N, C-alpha and C. Protein backbone atom coordinates (compact mmCIF):
# COMPACT_ATOMS: atom_id res chain seq x y z
N MET A 1 1.23 -1.20 -0.17
CA MET A 1 -0.27 0.08 0.12
C MET A 1 1.02 1.11 0.17
N GLY A 2 0.14 2.45 -1.08
CA GLY A 2 1.38 3.63 -0.99
C GLY A 2 2.67 3.60 -1.91
N ARG A 3 3.00 2.66 -2.24
CA ARG A 3 4.19 2.78 -3.23
C ARG A 3 3.68 3.49 -4.65
N ASP A 4 2.55 3.95 -5.57
CA ASP A 4 2.69 5.22 -6.16
C ASP A 4 2.54 6.48 -5.54
N GLY A 5 2.33 6.44 -4.74
CA GLY A 5 2.22 7.28 -3.49
C GLY A 5 4.05 8.15 -4.00
N ALA A 6 4.77 7.08 -3.01
CA ALA A 6 6.11 7.13 -2.28
C ALA A 6 6.86 7.30 -3.96
N GLU A 7 6.45 6.50 -4.94
CA GLU A 7 6.98 6.54 -6.82
C GLU A 7 7.25 7.96 -6.72
N GLY A 8 6.16 8.38 -6.54
CA GLY A 8 5.65 10.52 -6.99
C GLY A 8 7.21 11.20 -6.04
N LEU A 9 6.85 10.84 -4.74
CA LEU A 9 7.46 11.52 -3.69
C LEU A 9 9.01 11.76 -4.48
N LEU A 10 9.46 10.15 -4.33
CA LEU A 10 11.29 10.14 -4.78
C LEU A 10 10.92 10.80 -6.01
N ALA A 11 10.05 11.15 -7.34
CA ALA A 11 10.53 11.53 -8.24
C ALA A 11 10.50 13.35 -8.23
N MET A 12 9.41 13.18 -7.37
CA MET A 12 10.16 14.43 -7.20
C MET A 12 10.82 15.34 -6.23
N ARG A 13 11.83 14.01 -5.77
CA ARG A 13 13.02 14.27 -4.98
C ARG A 13 14.88 14.31 -5.87
N GLN A 14 14.29 13.05 -6.84
CA GLN A 14 14.99 12.95 -8.13
C GLN A 14 14.93 14.93 -8.93
N ALA A 15 14.13 15.77 -8.60
CA ALA A 15 13.18 16.53 -9.60
C ALA A 15 14.83 17.34 -8.55
N GLY A 16 14.58 17.48 -7.85
CA GLY A 16 15.33 18.52 -6.71
C GLY A 16 14.60 19.11 -5.70
N ALA A 17 13.33 18.55 -5.49
CA ALA A 17 13.33 18.63 -4.32
C ALA A 17 13.62 18.26 -3.57
N PHE A 18 12.73 19.81 -1.97
CA PHE A 18 13.01 18.77 -1.08
C PHE A 18 11.72 18.37 -0.20
N THR A 19 11.88 17.05 -0.11
CA THR A 19 10.81 16.32 0.46
C THR A 19 10.43 15.89 2.18
N ILE A 20 9.29 15.35 2.21
CA ILE A 20 9.00 15.22 3.96
C ILE A 20 8.03 14.38 3.80
N ALA A 21 8.68 12.72 3.75
CA ALA A 21 6.99 12.28 5.00
C ALA A 21 6.76 12.31 6.12
N GLN A 22 5.43 11.93 6.97
CA GLN A 22 5.22 11.65 7.90
C GLN A 22 5.91 10.48 8.56
N ASP A 23 5.39 10.21 9.94
CA ASP A 23 6.52 9.29 10.98
C ASP A 23 5.48 7.96 11.57
N LYS A 24 6.71 7.19 11.88
CA LYS A 24 4.79 6.41 12.70
C LYS A 24 4.08 6.68 13.45
N THR A 25 5.07 6.73 13.68
CA THR A 25 3.94 7.20 15.51
C THR A 25 2.98 8.13 15.30
N SER A 26 2.82 8.77 14.48
CA SER A 26 1.56 10.08 14.90
C SER A 26 1.30 9.39 13.26
N SER A 27 1.05 8.83 12.48
CA SER A 27 0.63 7.94 11.02
C SER A 27 -1.23 7.00 11.74
N VAL A 28 -2.03 7.37 11.25
CA VAL A 28 -2.77 6.14 11.31
C VAL A 28 -2.54 5.48 10.28
N VAL A 29 -1.77 5.47 9.19
CA VAL A 29 -2.14 4.21 8.51
C VAL A 29 -0.72 4.65 7.75
N TYR A 30 0.40 3.93 7.95
CA TYR A 30 1.86 4.37 7.71
C TYR A 30 2.40 3.34 6.07
N GLY A 31 1.64 3.05 5.63
CA GLY A 31 1.52 2.81 4.52
C GLY A 31 3.12 3.06 3.61
N MET A 32 2.10 4.95 2.63
CA MET A 32 2.50 5.17 2.07
C MET A 32 4.18 5.90 2.58
N PRO A 33 4.13 6.55 4.13
CA PRO A 33 5.78 7.00 4.21
C PRO A 33 6.40 6.02 4.49
N ARG A 34 5.82 5.18 5.60
CA ARG A 34 6.63 4.20 5.00
C ARG A 34 7.55 3.84 3.67
N VAL A 35 6.99 3.17 2.23
CA VAL A 35 7.48 3.00 1.83
C VAL A 35 8.56 4.46 1.06
N ALA A 36 8.79 5.47 1.10
CA ALA A 36 8.71 6.39 0.61
C ALA A 36 9.86 7.07 1.84
N ALA A 37 9.74 6.51 3.02
CA ALA A 37 11.61 6.42 3.61
C ALA A 37 12.59 5.17 3.22
N GLU A 38 11.85 4.09 2.67
CA GLU A 38 12.21 2.31 2.02
C GLU A 38 12.78 2.97 1.36
N ILE A 39 12.65 4.02 -0.18
CA ILE A 39 12.80 4.35 -1.51
C ILE A 39 13.81 5.06 -1.55
N GLY A 40 13.87 5.92 -0.58
CA GLY A 40 15.00 7.13 -0.16
C GLY A 40 13.99 8.50 -0.40
N ALA A 41 13.17 8.31 -1.10
CA ALA A 41 11.82 9.56 -1.22
C ALA A 41 11.86 11.04 -0.56
N ALA A 42 11.98 10.40 0.72
CA ALA A 42 12.00 11.31 2.16
C ALA A 42 12.86 12.05 2.58
N CYS A 43 13.34 13.67 2.22
CA CYS A 43 14.43 14.17 2.71
C CYS A 43 14.30 13.82 4.15
N GLN A 44 13.05 13.73 5.02
CA GLN A 44 12.67 13.77 6.21
C GLN A 44 11.86 13.61 6.64
N VAL A 45 12.18 12.64 7.61
CA VAL A 45 10.44 12.34 8.07
C VAL A 45 10.65 12.68 9.51
N VAL A 46 8.98 13.17 9.84
CA VAL A 46 9.12 14.00 11.38
C VAL A 46 7.37 13.88 11.34
N PRO A 47 7.03 13.78 12.39
CA PRO A 47 5.88 14.36 13.49
C PRO A 47 4.91 15.08 12.86
N LEU A 48 3.53 14.35 12.14
CA LEU A 48 3.13 15.05 11.75
C LEU A 48 2.54 16.69 11.65
N ARG A 49 2.41 16.95 13.53
CA ARG A 49 2.28 18.52 14.25
C ARG A 49 4.11 19.02 13.63
N GLN A 50 5.09 18.97 12.88
CA GLN A 50 6.47 19.43 12.52
C GLN A 50 6.30 19.63 11.86
N ILE A 51 5.79 18.89 10.61
CA ILE A 51 5.62 19.10 8.79
C ILE A 51 6.35 20.18 8.35
N SER A 52 4.46 21.52 8.78
CA SER A 52 5.43 23.01 8.34
C SER A 52 6.12 22.77 8.59
N ALA A 53 5.81 23.37 10.08
CA ALA A 53 7.73 23.95 10.83
C ALA A 53 8.80 23.28 9.48
N ALA A 54 8.77 21.71 9.34
CA ALA A 54 10.19 21.82 8.03
C ALA A 54 9.67 22.14 6.69
N ALA A 55 8.76 22.41 6.33
CA ALA A 55 8.36 22.84 5.23
C ALA A 55 8.84 23.95 5.53
N MET A 56 8.71 25.34 6.45
CA MET A 56 9.00 26.66 6.76
C MET A 56 10.75 26.66 6.95
N ALA A 57 10.75 25.99 7.28
CA ALA A 57 12.91 26.63 7.55
C ALA A 57 13.41 25.53 6.29
N ILE A 58 12.52 24.83 5.57
CA ILE A 58 13.36 24.72 3.87
C ILE A 58 13.92 26.06 3.55
N HIS A 59 12.12 26.51 3.64
CA HIS A 59 11.28 28.28 2.37
C HIS A 59 12.80 29.37 2.89
N THR A 60 12.98 28.56 4.03
CA THR A 60 13.45 30.37 4.61
C THR A 60 15.38 30.37 4.78
N ARG A 61 15.55 29.07 3.87
CA ARG A 61 16.91 29.15 4.03
C ARG A 61 17.55 29.63 3.18
């Protein structure tokens, strides 16, 4: 479950995007984020409540 989304995220990362996936602890269903982490599609894996802060940190670099 979640392979197509994770592969899309990987394509974004390979194109130069900074990608973020939700961590296991804060996920109701960990399918796509798990696969994203496994295939190296996520630059960062963070809890749900920290995703916006992680995105803003990249934006301000």
